[in-house]
Amino acid sequence: MEKISEPESEIGLLQRKSLKEELFEILQHQIIAGKYAPGEWLRQEEISSQFHVSQTPVREALDLLVSTGLAERVPYRGVRVIQLTQQEMVDAYILRLILESIAAGLAAQNADADQTEFLFKTLQATRDLLNLQDMPRLRELNRDFHKTIVMAAGNALLFKLYDLASNTFPDWMLYEAMFRHPELLASSLNNEYHEHLEIANAIASHQPGEAARTVWQHIYNLGASYNALLAIPQAEIWEKERQILAFLCISK
């Protein structure tokens, strides 16, 4: 089996995984760390040469990046780090605000014991991920946490809609911003953990209203990060929220 001849700085990232998974994790880490900028091309030949591997596992790793929403494949041109417009990011935020709140309420009624247990296990796995180098792993666990909630709702179409919105939601950009603002890291991760704990407890105790409320508040707080970390005008976000709150019986 081929083996990556990796740059020394990436040695700690490698585990006993398939070659494509090793490459995927390295590239994911580099994107979140800001080594590749939004819109930058991920050249298959260059990556293959850099790590001294054939282009097949590189292509498979790039496919994984595309499937997780970190990159996009442009016909006849290749793969590049996804570059979202402010409008796309706000739209994805609004959709998650609605869909995940509904899903959490349904999950509180329909989640089975295995799904509830998985929420707490995933949450526990995030407890000690407090450093910048932990961000790629933390992102994966957080996506698992949220996807499990939506899956536990028991509505396949809802899950498909959520999956589309979450792939556009720029959570990786928020983590990348933490690399540039490490002073915000500890408080942000602590708040995130306790918000997730509230959500998991509401679902485990079968409280649909509380589950919907805590998820709404959690996603709403992520929206505030849009302004603080991604410089998206707060007024643009508020206007979208105002339109929703005008006909939904949910308050901030």
C-alpha atoms as a PDB file:
ATOM      1  CA  MET A   1       0.000   0.000   0.000  1.00  0.00           C
ATOM      2  CA  GLU A   2       1.185   3.501  -0.786  1.00  0.00           C
ATOM      3  CA  LYS A   3       2.223   5.606   2.139  1.00  0.00           C
ATOM      4  CA  ILE A   4       2.235   9.368   2.393  1.00  0.00           C
ATOM      5  CA  SER A   5       5.605  11.018   2.649  1.00  0.00           C
ATOM      6  CA  GLU A   6       4.188  13.879   4.648  1.00  0.00           C
ATOM      7  CA  PRO A   7       5.545  17.269   5.623  1.00  0.00           C
ATOM      8  CA  GLU A   8       6.930  17.004   9.152  1.00  0.00           C
ATOM      9  CA  SER A   9       4.321  19.445  10.514  1.00  0.00           C
ATOM     10  CA  GLU A  10       1.529  17.042   9.549  1.00  0.00           C
ATOM     11  CA  ILE A  11       2.993  13.852  11.043  1.00  0.00           C
ATOM     12  CA  GLY A  12       0.870  14.106  14.173  1.00  0.00           C
ATOM     13  CA  LEU A  13      -2.308  14.023  12.114  1.00  0.00           C
ATOM     14  CA  LEU A  14      -1.707  10.602  10.602  1.00  0.00           C
ATOM     15  CA  GLN A  15      -3.242   7.466  12.058  1.00  0.00           C
ATOM     16  CA  ARG A  16      -3.763   3.908  10.874  1.00  0.00           C
ATOM     17  CA  LYS A  17      -6.348   4.827   8.269  1.00  0.00           C
ATOM     18  CA  SER A  18      -6.742   4.434   4.549  1.00  0.00           C
ATOM     19  CA  LEU A  19      -4.605   6.654   2.382  1.00  0.00           C
ATOM     20  CA  LYS A  20      -7.553   8.697   1.148  1.00  0.00           C
ATOM     21  CA  GLU A  21      -8.681   9.282   4.748  1.00  0.00           C
ATOM     22  CA  GLU A  22      -5.203  10.399   5.786  1.00  0.00           C
ATOM     23  CA  LEU A  23      -5.070  12.816   2.884  1.00  0.00           C
ATOM     24  CA  PHE A  24      -8.602  14.031   3.588  1.00  0.00           C
ATOM     25  CA  GLU A  25      -7.791  14.788   7.242  1.00  0.00           C
ATOM     26  CA  ILE A  26      -4.604  16.650   6.333  1.00  0.00           C
ATOM     27  CA  LEU A  27      -6.370  18.754   3.692  1.00  0.00           C
ATOM     28  CA  GLN A  28      -9.321  19.374   5.990  1.00  0.00           C
ATOM     29  CA  HIS A  29      -6.965  20.571   8.717  1.00  0.00           C
ATOM     30  CA  GLN A  30      -5.119  22.825   6.272  1.00  0.00           C
ATOM     31  CA  ILE A  31      -8.360  24.396   5.028  1.00  0.00           C
ATOM     32  CA  ILE A  32      -9.669  25.061   8.534  1.00  0.00           C
ATOM     33  CA  ALA A  33      -6.250  26.390   9.550  1.00  0.00           C
ATOM     34  CA  GLY A  34      -6.407  28.840   6.639  1.00  0.00           C
ATOM     35  CA  LYS A  35      -3.576  27.403   4.547  1.00  0.00           C
ATOM     36  CA  TYR A  36      -6.002  27.276   1.625  1.00  0.00           C
ATOM     37  CA  ALA A  37      -8.199  30.337   1.169  1.00  0.00           C
ATOM     38  CA  PRO A  38     -11.858  30.272   0.037  1.00  0.00           C
ATOM     39  CA  GLY A  39     -11.922  29.863  -3.734  1.00  0.00           C
ATOM     40  CA  GLU A  40      -8.359  28.499  -3.925  1.00  0.00           C
ATOM     41  CA  TRP A  41      -7.847  25.519  -6.246  1.00  0.00           C
ATOM     42  CA  LEU A  42      -6.806  22.171  -4.792  1.00  0.00           C
ATOM     43  CA  ARG A  43      -4.603  20.886  -7.590  1.00  0.00           C
ATOM     44  CA  GLN A  44      -4.637  17.113  -7.740  1.00  0.00           C
ATOM     45  CA  GLU A  45      -1.212  16.912  -9.383  1.00  0.00           C
ATOM     46  CA  GLU A  46       0.386  19.269  -6.857  1.00  0.00           C
ATOM     47  CA  ILE A  47      -1.028  17.402  -3.862  1.00  0.00           C
ATOM     48  CA  SER A  48       0.048  14.082  -5.371  1.00  0.00           C
ATOM     49  CA  SER A  49       3.572  15.405  -5.809  1.00  0.00           C
ATOM     50  CA  GLN A  50       3.672  17.003  -2.360  1.00  0.00           C
ATOM     51  CA  PHE A  51       2.845  13.763  -0.553  1.00  0.00           C
ATOM     52  CA  HIS A  52       4.529  11.394  -3.030  1.00  0.00           C
ATOM     53  CA  VAL A  53       1.390   9.358  -3.738  1.00  0.00           C
ATOM     54  CA  SER A  54      -0.552   8.525  -6.886  1.00  0.00           C
ATOM     55  CA  GLN A  55      -3.442  10.698  -7.993  1.00  0.00           C
ATOM     56  CA  THR A  56      -6.124   8.084  -7.209  1.00  0.00           C
ATOM     57  CA  PRO A  57      -6.177   8.549  -3.385  1.00  0.00           C
ATOM     58  CA  VAL A  58      -5.832  12.299  -3.902  1.00  0.00           C
ATOM     59  CA  ARG A  59      -8.915  12.316  -6.121  1.00  0.00           C
ATOM     60  CA  GLU A  60     -10.800  10.234  -3.541  1.00  0.00           C
ATOM     61  CA  ALA A  61      -9.734  12.605  -0.742  1.00  0.00           C
ATOM     62  CA  LEU A  62     -10.939  15.573  -2.778  1.00  0.00           C
ATOM     63  CA  ASP A  63     -14.267  13.798  -3.290  1.00  0.00           C
ATOM     64  CA  LEU A  64     -14.564  13.513   0.495  1.00  0.00           C
ATOM     65  CA  LEU A  65     -13.885  17.242   0.866  1.00  0.00           C
ATOM     66  CA  VAL A  66     -16.634  17.967  -1.650  1.00  0.00           C
ATOM     67  CA  SER A  67     -19.082  15.658   0.137  1.00  0.00           C
ATOM     68  CA  THR A  68     -18.488  17.433   3.469  1.00  0.00           C
ATOM     69  CA  GLY A  69     -19.063  20.867   1.958  1.00  0.00           C
ATOM     70  CA  LEU A  70     -15.497  22.133   2.342  1.00  0.00           C
ATOM     71  CA  ALA A  71     -14.839  22.140  -1.389  1.00  0.00           C
ATOM     72  CA  GLU A  72     -16.709  22.191  -4.676  1.00  0.00           C
ATOM     73  CA  ARG A  73     -15.998  20.479  -7.973  1.00  0.00           C
ATOM     74  CA  VAL A  74     -16.138  22.750 -11.009  1.00  0.00           C
ATOM     75  CA  PRO A  75     -16.731  20.850 -14.289  1.00  0.00           C
ATOM     76  CA  TYR A  76     -13.662  20.723 -16.534  1.00  0.00           C
ATOM     77  CA  ARG A  77     -11.622  22.782 -14.064  1.00  0.00           C
ATOM     78  CA  GLY A  78     -11.127  20.797 -10.882  1.00  0.00           C
ATOM     79  CA  VAL A  79     -11.795  21.184  -7.153  1.00  0.00           C
ATOM     80  CA  ARG A  80     -11.512  24.347  -5.119  1.00  0.00           C
ATOM     81  CA  VAL A  81     -12.185  25.398  -1.542  1.00  0.00           C
ATOM     82  CA  ILE A  82     -15.796  26.486  -1.420  1.00  0.00           C
ATOM     83  CA  GLN A  83     -16.365  30.220  -1.544  1.00  0.00           C
ATOM     84  CA  LEU A  84     -19.747  31.288  -0.253  1.00  0.00           C
ATOM     85  CA  THR A  85     -21.398  34.645  -0.723  1.00  0.00           C
ATOM     86  CA  GLN A  86     -22.743  36.464   2.314  1.00  0.00           C
ATOM     87  CA  GLN A  87     -26.265  35.809   1.052  1.00  0.00           C
ATOM     88  CA  GLU A  88     -25.622  32.056   0.809  1.00  0.00           C
ATOM     89  CA  MET A  89     -24.270  31.982   4.348  1.00  0.00           C
ATOM     90  CA  VAL A  90     -27.234  33.891   5.764  1.00  0.00           C
ATOM     91  CA  ASP A  91     -29.693  31.688   3.845  1.00  0.00           C
ATOM     92  CA  ALA A  92     -28.024  28.533   5.199  1.00  0.00           C
ATOM     93  CA  TYR A  93     -28.147  29.972   8.721  1.00  0.00           C
ATOM     94  CA  ILE A  94     -31.874  30.732   8.444  1.00  0.00           C
ATOM     95  CA  LEU A  95     -32.649  27.258   7.094  1.00  0.00           C
ATOM     96  CA  ARG A  96     -30.727  25.600   9.916  1.00  0.00           C
ATOM     97  CA  LEU A  97     -32.503  27.799  12.436  1.00  0.00           C
ATOM     98  CA  ILE A  98     -35.871  26.531  11.209  1.00  0.00           C
ATOM     99  CA  LEU A  99     -35.057  22.920  10.297  1.00  0.00           C
ATOM    100  CA  GLU A 100     -33.000  22.027  13.350  1.00  0.00           C
ATOM    101  CA  SER A 101     -35.518  23.509  15.766  1.00  0.00           C
ATOM    102  CA  ILE A 102     -38.250  21.370  14.211  1.00  0.00           C
ATOM    103  CA  ALA A 103     -35.970  18.329  14.146  1.00  0.00           C
ATOM    104  CA  ALA A 104     -35.022  18.710  17.818  1.00  0.00           C
ATOM    105  CA  GLY A 105     -38.665  18.818  18.860  1.00  0.00           C
ATOM    106  CA  LEU A 106     -39.366  15.655  16.873  1.00  0.00           C
ATOM    107  CA  ALA A 107     -36.183  13.992  18.162  1.00  0.00           C
ATOM    108  CA  ALA A 108     -37.360  14.556  21.748  1.00  0.00           C
ATOM    109  CA  GLN A 109     -40.385  12.433  20.852  1.00  0.00           C
ATOM    110  CA  ASN A 110     -38.803   9.863  18.535  1.00  0.00           C
ATOM    111  CA  ALA A 111     -35.135   9.364  19.460  1.00  0.00           C
ATOM    112  CA  ASP A 112     -34.277   5.812  20.460  1.00  0.00           C
ATOM    113  CA  ALA A 113     -31.868   4.841  23.239  1.00  0.00           C
ATOM    114  CA  ASP A 114     -28.927   4.316  20.862  1.00  0.00           C
ATOM    115  CA  GLN A 115     -29.336   7.768  19.319  1.00  0.00           C
ATOM    116  CA  THR A 116     -29.580   9.454  22.703  1.00  0.00           C
ATOM    117  CA  GLU A 117     -26.532   7.589  23.949  1.00  0.00           C
ATOM    118  CA  PHE A 118     -24.610   8.613  20.831  1.00  0.00           C
ATOM    119  CA  LEU A 119     -25.403  12.287  21.501  1.00  0.00           C
ATOM    120  CA  PHE A 120     -23.852  12.105  24.972  1.00  0.00           C
ATOM    121  CA  LYS A 121     -20.856  10.070  23.800  1.00  0.00           C
ATOM    122  CA  THR A 122     -20.177  12.560  21.002  1.00  0.00           C
ATOM    123  CA  LEU A 123     -20.569  15.422  23.432  1.00  0.00           C
ATOM    124  CA  GLN A 124     -18.120  13.826  25.875  1.00  0.00           C
ATOM    125  CA  ALA A 125     -15.586  13.336  23.079  1.00  0.00           C
ATOM    126  CA  THR A 126     -15.594  17.105  22.466  1.00  0.00           C
ATOM    127  CA  ARG A 127     -15.017  18.020  26.123  1.00  0.00           C
ATOM    128  CA  ASP A 128     -11.210  18.070  25.968  1.00  0.00           C
ATOM    129  CA  LEU A 129     -10.812  19.438  22.432  1.00  0.00           C
ATOM    130  CA  LEU A 130      -9.695  22.912  23.401  1.00  0.00           C
ATOM    131  CA  ASN A 131      -6.696  23.644  21.200  1.00  0.00           C
ATOM    132  CA  LEU A 132      -6.413  25.047  17.693  1.00  0.00           C
ATOM    133  CA  GLN A 133      -5.078  21.760  16.356  1.00  0.00           C
ATOM    134  CA  ASP A 134      -8.253  20.069  17.608  1.00  0.00           C
ATOM    135  CA  MET A 135     -10.529  22.121  15.343  1.00  0.00           C
ATOM    136  CA  PRO A 136     -10.837  19.625  12.447  1.00  0.00           C
ATOM    137  CA  ARG A 137     -11.786  16.794  14.826  1.00  0.00           C
ATOM    138  CA  LEU A 138     -14.146  19.074  16.752  1.00  0.00           C
ATOM    139  CA  ARG A 139     -15.870  20.066  13.520  1.00  0.00           C
ATOM    140  CA  GLU A 140     -16.453  16.403  12.634  1.00  0.00           C
ATOM    141  CA  LEU A 141     -17.889  15.606  16.064  1.00  0.00           C
ATOM    142  CA  ASN A 142     -20.150  18.646  16.027  1.00  0.00           C
ATOM    143  CA  ARG A 143     -21.509  17.698  12.624  1.00  0.00           C
ATOM    144  CA  ASP A 144     -22.141  14.170  13.937  1.00  0.00           C
ATOM    145  CA  PHE A 145     -23.970  15.631  16.949  1.00  0.00           C
ATOM    146  CA  HIS A 146     -26.280  17.818  14.881  1.00  0.00           C
ATOM    147  CA  LYS A 147     -26.885  15.205  12.185  1.00  0.00           C
ATOM    148  CA  THR A 148     -27.861  12.643  14.815  1.00  0.00           C
ATOM    149  CA  ILE A 149     -30.498  15.025  16.168  1.00  0.00           C
ATOM    150  CA  VAL A 150     -32.019  15.502  12.728  1.00  0.00           C
ATOM    151  CA  MET A 151     -31.815  11.789  11.969  1.00  0.00           C
ATOM    152  CA  ALA A 152     -33.562  11.031  15.275  1.00  0.00           C
ATOM    153  CA  ALA A 153     -36.486  13.174  14.150  1.00  0.00           C
ATOM    154  CA  GLY A 154     -37.524  10.258  11.960  1.00  0.00           C
ATOM    155  CA  ASN A 155     -38.249  12.280   8.823  1.00  0.00           C
ATOM    156  CA  ALA A 156     -36.082  11.351   5.824  1.00  0.00           C
ATOM    157  CA  LEU A 157     -37.060  14.397   3.766  1.00  0.00           C
ATOM    158  CA  LEU A 158     -36.306  16.737   6.654  1.00  0.00           C
ATOM    159  CA  PHE A 159     -32.870  15.138   6.914  1.00  0.00           C
ATOM    160  CA  LYS A 160     -32.204  15.703   3.190  1.00  0.00           C
ATOM    161  CA  LEU A 161     -33.158  19.363   3.456  1.00  0.00           C
ATOM    162  CA  TYR A 162     -31.014  19.761   6.556  1.00  0.00           C
ATOM    163  CA  ASP A 163     -28.054  18.043   4.900  1.00  0.00           C
ATOM    164  CA  LEU A 164     -28.243  20.542   2.046  1.00  0.00           C
ATOM    165  CA  ALA A 165     -28.349  23.496   4.434  1.00  0.00           C
ATOM    166  CA  SER A 166     -25.579  22.192   6.691  1.00  0.00           C
ATOM    167  CA  ASN A 167     -23.231  21.652   3.750  1.00  0.00           C
ATOM    168  CA  THR A 168     -23.613  25.343   2.933  1.00  0.00           C
ATOM    169  CA  PHE A 169     -23.429  26.517   6.532  1.00  0.00           C
ATOM    170  CA  PRO A 170     -19.886  27.902   6.971  1.00  0.00           C
ATOM    171  CA  ASP A 171     -19.027  26.279  10.284  1.00  0.00           C
ATOM    172  CA  TRP A 172     -15.530  25.552   8.993  1.00  0.00           C
ATOM    173  CA  MET A 173     -15.102  29.281   8.361  1.00  0.00           C
ATOM    174  CA  LEU A 174     -16.003  29.956  11.981  1.00  0.00           C
ATOM    175  CA  TYR A 175     -13.363  27.477  13.127  1.00  0.00           C
ATOM    176  CA  GLU A 176     -10.861  28.972  10.690  1.00  0.00           C
ATOM    177  CA  ALA A 177     -11.605  32.385  12.187  1.00  0.00           C
ATOM    178  CA  MET A 178     -10.702  31.012  15.607  1.00  0.00           C
ATOM    179  CA  PHE A 179      -7.195  30.435  14.292  1.00  0.00           C
ATOM    180  CA  ARG A 180      -7.048  34.174  13.678  1.00  0.00           C
ATOM    181  CA  HIS A 181      -8.712  35.062  16.998  1.00  0.00           C
ATOM    182  CA  PRO A 182      -7.340  32.527  19.517  1.00  0.00           C
ATOM    183  CA  GLU A 183      -8.380  34.801  22.391  1.00  0.00           C
ATOM    184  CA  LEU A 184     -12.004  33.821  21.640  1.00  0.00           C
ATOM    185  CA  LEU A 185     -11.340  30.088  21.524  1.00  0.00           C
ATOM    186  CA  ALA A 186     -11.796  28.991  25.158  1.00  0.00           C
ATOM    187  CA  SER A 187     -15.010  30.922  25.810  1.00  0.00           C
ATOM    188  CA  SER A 188     -16.518  29.938  22.452  1.00  0.00           C
ATOM    189  CA  LEU A 189     -15.852  26.233  22.952  1.00  0.00           C
ATOM    190  CA  ASN A 190     -17.085  26.317  26.550  1.00  0.00           C
ATOM    191  CA  ASN A 191     -20.346  27.973  25.491  1.00  0.00           C
ATOM    192  CA  GLU A 192     -20.762  25.501  22.652  1.00  0.00           C
ATOM    193  CA  TYR A 193     -20.299  22.521  24.960  1.00  0.00           C
ATOM    194  CA  HIS A 194     -22.883  23.712  27.487  1.00  0.00           C
ATOM    195  CA  GLU A 195     -25.393  24.581  24.761  1.00  0.00           C
ATOM    196  CA  HIS A 196     -24.991  21.094  23.284  1.00  0.00           C
ATOM    197  CA  LEU A 197     -25.434  19.591  26.766  1.00  0.00           C
ATOM    198  CA  GLU A 198     -28.728  21.464  27.204  1.00  0.00           C
ATOM    199  CA  ILE A 199     -29.942  20.159  23.853  1.00  0.00           C
ATOM    200  CA  ALA A 200     -28.985  16.558  24.621  1.00  0.00           C
ATOM    201  CA  ASN A 201     -30.644  16.712  28.044  1.00  0.00           C
ATOM    202  CA  ALA A 202     -33.882  18.092  26.586  1.00  0.00           C
ATOM    203  CA  ILE A 203     -34.008  15.321  23.980  1.00  0.00           C
ATOM    204  CA  ALA A 204     -33.134  12.596  26.505  1.00  0.00           C
ATOM    205  CA  SER A 205     -35.853  13.804  28.889  1.00  0.00           C
ATOM    206  CA  HIS A 206     -38.442  13.905  26.063  1.00  0.00           C
ATOM    207  CA  GLN A 207     -39.211  17.627  26.238  1.00  0.00           C
ATOM    208  CA  PRO A 208     -40.041  18.676  22.636  1.00  0.00           C
ATOM    209  CA  GLY A 209     -40.619  22.341  23.419  1.00  0.00           C
ATOM    210  CA  GLU A 210     -37.416  22.687  25.418  1.00  0.00           C
ATOM    211  CA  ALA A 211     -35.425  20.783  22.779  1.00  0.00           C
ATOM    212  CA  ALA A 212     -36.703  23.101  20.034  1.00  0.00           C
ATOM    213  CA  ARG A 213     -35.982  26.181  22.158  1.00  0.00           C
ATOM    214  CA  THR A 214     -32.431  25.188  23.078  1.00  0.00           C
ATOM    215  CA  VAL A 215     -31.533  24.358  19.468  1.00  0.00           C
ATOM    216  CA  TRP A 216     -33.058  27.633  18.283  1.00  0.00           C
ATOM    217  CA  GLN A 217     -30.943  29.547  20.813  1.00  0.00           C
ATOM    218  CA  HIS A 218     -27.816  27.589  19.889  1.00  0.00           C
ATOM    219  CA  ILE A 219     -28.129  28.264  16.155  1.00  0.00           C
ATOM    220  CA  TYR A 220     -29.100  31.861  16.901  1.00  0.00           C
ATOM    221  CA  ASN A 221     -25.856  32.269  18.838  1.00  0.00           C
ATOM    222  CA  LEU A 222     -23.942  30.870  15.859  1.00  0.00           C
ATOM    223  CA  GLY A 223     -25.610  33.574  13.774  1.00  0.00           C
ATOM    224  CA  ALA A 224     -24.133  36.174  16.093  1.00  0.00           C
ATOM    225  CA  SER A 225     -20.724  34.686  15.288  1.00  0.00           C
ATOM    226  CA  TYR A 226     -21.363  35.495  11.632  1.00  0.00           C
ATOM    227  CA  ASN A 227     -21.034  39.135  12.508  1.00  0.00           C
ATOM    228  CA  ALA A 228     -18.186  38.809  15.021  1.00  0.00           C
ATOM    229  CA  LEU A 229     -15.980  36.391  13.081  1.00  0.00           C
ATOM    230  CA  LEU A 230     -17.055  36.637   9.437  1.00  0.00           C
ATOM    231  CA  ALA A 231     -17.922  40.346   9.302  1.00  0.00           C
ATOM    232  CA  ILE A 232     -21.394  39.742   7.887  1.00  0.00           C
ATOM    233  CA  PRO A 233     -23.526  42.836   8.640  1.00  0.00           C
ATOM    234  CA  GLN A 234     -25.741  42.198  11.652  1.00  0.00           C
ATOM    235  CA  ALA A 235     -28.579  44.147  10.040  1.00  0.00           C
ATOM    236  CA  GLU A 236     -28.748  41.633   7.187  1.00  0.00           C
ATOM    237  CA  ILE A 237     -29.074  38.765   9.652  1.00  0.00           C
ATOM    238  CA  TRP A 238     -31.628  40.583  11.799  1.00  0.00           C
ATOM    239  CA  GLU A 239     -33.841  41.280   8.813  1.00  0.00           C
ATOM    240  CA  LYS A 240     -34.010  37.590   7.899  1.00  0.00           C
ATOM    241  CA  GLU A 241     -34.728  36.672  11.519  1.00  0.00           C
ATOM    242  CA  ARG A 242     -37.431  39.341  11.732  1.00  0.00           C
ATOM    243  CA  GLN A 243     -39.194  37.830   8.727  1.00  0.00           C
ATOM    244  CA  ILE A 244     -39.238  34.414  10.393  1.00  0.00           C
ATOM    245  CA  LEU A 245     -40.284  35.626  13.835  1.00  0.00           C
ATOM    246  CA  ALA A 246     -43.143  37.518  12.235  1.00  0.00           C
ATOM    247  CA  PHE A 247     -44.982  34.256  11.618  1.00  0.00           C
ATOM    248  CA  LEU A 248     -43.334  31.725  13.968  1.00  0.00           C
ATOM    249  CA  CYS A 249     -44.257  31.486  17.623  1.00  0.00           C
ATOM    250  CA  ILE A 250     -40.633  31.355  18.720  1.00  0.00           C
ATOM    251  CA  SER A 251     -38.914  34.193  20.515  1.00  0.00           C
ATOM    252  CA  LYS A 252     -35.199  34.772  20.794  1.00  0.00           C
END
